[in-house]
PDB file of N, CA and C in Angstrom:
ATOM      1  N   GLY A   1     101.480  89.947  94.904  1.00  0.00           N
ATOM      2  CA  GLY A   1     101.820  91.083  93.770  1.00  0.00           C
ATOM      3  C   GLY A   1     100.659  91.159  92.960  1.00  0.00           C
ATOM      4  N   GLN A   2     100.271  90.005  92.328  1.00  0.00           N
ATOM      5  CA  GLN A   2      99.079  90.267  91.447  1.00  0.00           C
ATOM      6  C   GLN A   2      97.981  90.870  92.009  1.00  0.00           C
ATOM      7  N   TYR A   3      97.559  89.981  93.166  1.00  0.00           N
ATOM      8  CA  TYR A   3      96.364  90.364  93.723  1.00  0.00           C
ATOM      9  C   TYR A   3      96.454  91.918  94.061  1.00  0.00           C
ATOM     10  N   THR A   4      97.491  92.329  94.760  1.00  0.00           N
ATOM     11  CA  THR A   4      97.390  93.878  95.376  1.00  0.00           C
ATOM     12  C   THR A   4      97.295  94.728  94.137  1.00  0.00           C
ATOM     13  N   THR A   5      98.025  94.312  92.569  1.00  0.00           N
ATOM     14  CA  THR A   5      97.980  95.473  91.642  1.00  0.00           C
ATOM     15  C   THR A   5      96.419  95.512  91.089  1.00  0.00           C
ATOM     16  N   SER A   6      95.746  94.318  91.180  1.00  0.00           N
ATOM     17  CA  SER A   6      94.315  94.177  90.735  1.00  0.00           C
ATOM     18  C   SER A   6      93.531  95.214  91.619  1.00  0.00           C
ATOM     19  N   ALA A   7      93.589  94.717  92.950  1.00  0.00           N
ATOM     20  CA  ALA A   7      92.818  95.450  93.993  1.00  0.00           C
ATOM     21  C   ALA A   7      93.112  97.090  93.735  1.00  0.00           C
ATOM     22  N   SER A   8      94.276  97.367  93.523  1.00  0.00           N
ATOM     23  CA  SER A   8      94.672  98.899  93.477  1.00  0.00           C
ATOM     24  C   SER A   8      94.056  99.322  91.977  1.00  0.00           C
ATOM     25  N   VAL A   9      94.270  98.533  91.170  1.00  0.00           N
ATOM     26  CA  VAL A   9      93.749  99.298  89.644  1.00  0.00           C
ATOM     27  C   VAL A   9      92.221  99.306  89.411  1.00  0.00           C
ATOM     28  N   TRP A  10      91.701  98.064  89.820  1.00  0.00           N
ATOM     29  CA  TRP A  10      90.020  98.012  90.171  1.00  0.00           C
ATOM     30  C   TRP A  10      89.479  99.366  90.547  1.00  0.00           C
ATOM     31  N   PRO A  11      89.506  99.634  91.606  1.00  0.00           N
ATOM     32  CA  PRO A  11      89.222 100.853  92.084  1.00  0.00           C
ATOM     33  C   PRO A  11      89.390 101.928  91.420  1.00  0.00           C
ATOM     34  N   LEU A  12      90.537 102.120  91.383  1.00  0.00           N
ATOM     35  CA  LEU A  12      91.155 103.183  90.370  1.00  0.00           C
ATOM     36  C   LEU A  12      90.576 103.680  88.749  1.00  0.00           C
ATOM     37  N   VAL A  13      90.334 102.382  88.335  1.00  0.00           N
ATOM     38  CA  VAL A  13      89.369 102.495  87.173  1.00  0.00           C
ATOM     39  C   VAL A  13      87.883 102.964  87.430  1.00  0.00           C
ATOM     40  N   MET A  14      87.399 102.514  88.082  1.00  0.00           N
ATOM     41  CA  MET A  14      86.160 102.688  88.451  1.00  0.00           C
ATOM     42  C   MET A  14      85.983 104.250  89.243  1.00  0.00           C
ATOM     43  N   VAL A  15      86.778 104.602  89.762  1.00  0.00           N
ATOM     44  CA  VAL A  15      86.820 105.805  90.168  1.00  0.00           C
ATOM     45  C   VAL A  15      87.127 107.039  89.369  1.00  0.00           C
ATOM     46  N   SER A  16      87.689 106.419  88.475  1.00  0.00           N
ATOM     47  CA  SER A  16      88.244 107.379  86.881  1.00  0.00           C
ATOM     48  C   SER A  16      87.174 107.549  85.967  1.00  0.00           C
ATOM     49  N   ARG A  17      86.113 105.980  86.391  1.00  0.00           N
ATOM     50  CA  ARG A  17      85.039 106.222  85.265  1.00  0.00           C
ATOM     51  C   ARG A  17      84.051 107.075  85.941  1.00  0.00           C
ATOM     52  N   SER A  18      83.787 106.721  87.208  1.00  0.00           N
ATOM     53  CA  SER A  18      82.642 107.201  87.926  1.00  0.00           C
ATOM     54  C   SER A  18      83.002 108.841  88.121  1.00  0.00           C
ATOM     55  N   GLY A  19      84.120 109.201  88.634  1.00  0.00           N
ATOM     56  CA  GLY A  19      84.614 110.137  88.792  1.00  0.00           C
ATOM     57  C   GLY A  19      84.357 111.215  87.332  1.00  0.00           C
ATOM     58  N   SER A  20      84.779 110.874  86.532  1.00  0.00           N
ATOM     59  CA  SER A  20      84.514 111.504  85.164  1.00  0.00           C
ATOM     60  C   SER A  20      83.354 111.804  84.930  1.00  0.00           C
ATOM     61  N   ASN A  21      82.263 110.819  85.226  1.00  0.00           N
ATOM     62  CA  ASN A  21      81.225 111.330  84.765  1.00  0.00           C
ATOM     63  C   ASN A  21      80.255 112.037  86.090  1.00  0.00           C
ATOM     64  N   PHE A  22      80.621 111.877  87.196  1.00  0.00           N
ATOM     65  CA  PHE A  22      80.266 112.854  88.075  1.00  0.00           C
ATOM     66  C   PHE A  22      80.968 114.336  87.839  1.00  0.00           C
ATOM     67  N   THR A  23      82.199 114.299  87.680  1.00  0.00           N
ATOM     68  CA  THR A  23      82.647 115.727  87.626  1.00  0.00           C
ATOM     69  C   THR A  23      82.218 116.414  86.323  1.00  0.00           C
ATOM     70  N   ASN A  24      81.997 115.385  85.338  1.00  0.00           N
ATOM     71  CA  ASN A  24      81.682 115.971  84.108  1.00  0.00           C
ATOM     72  C   ASN A  24      80.018 116.093  84.289  1.00  0.00           C
TER      73      ASN A  24
END
């Protein structure tokens, strides 16, 4: 549970930050 959540949240956060910079 914990590992899966972290593995799912990490990429999401990275994509959110990187995607935001790339999009904007």
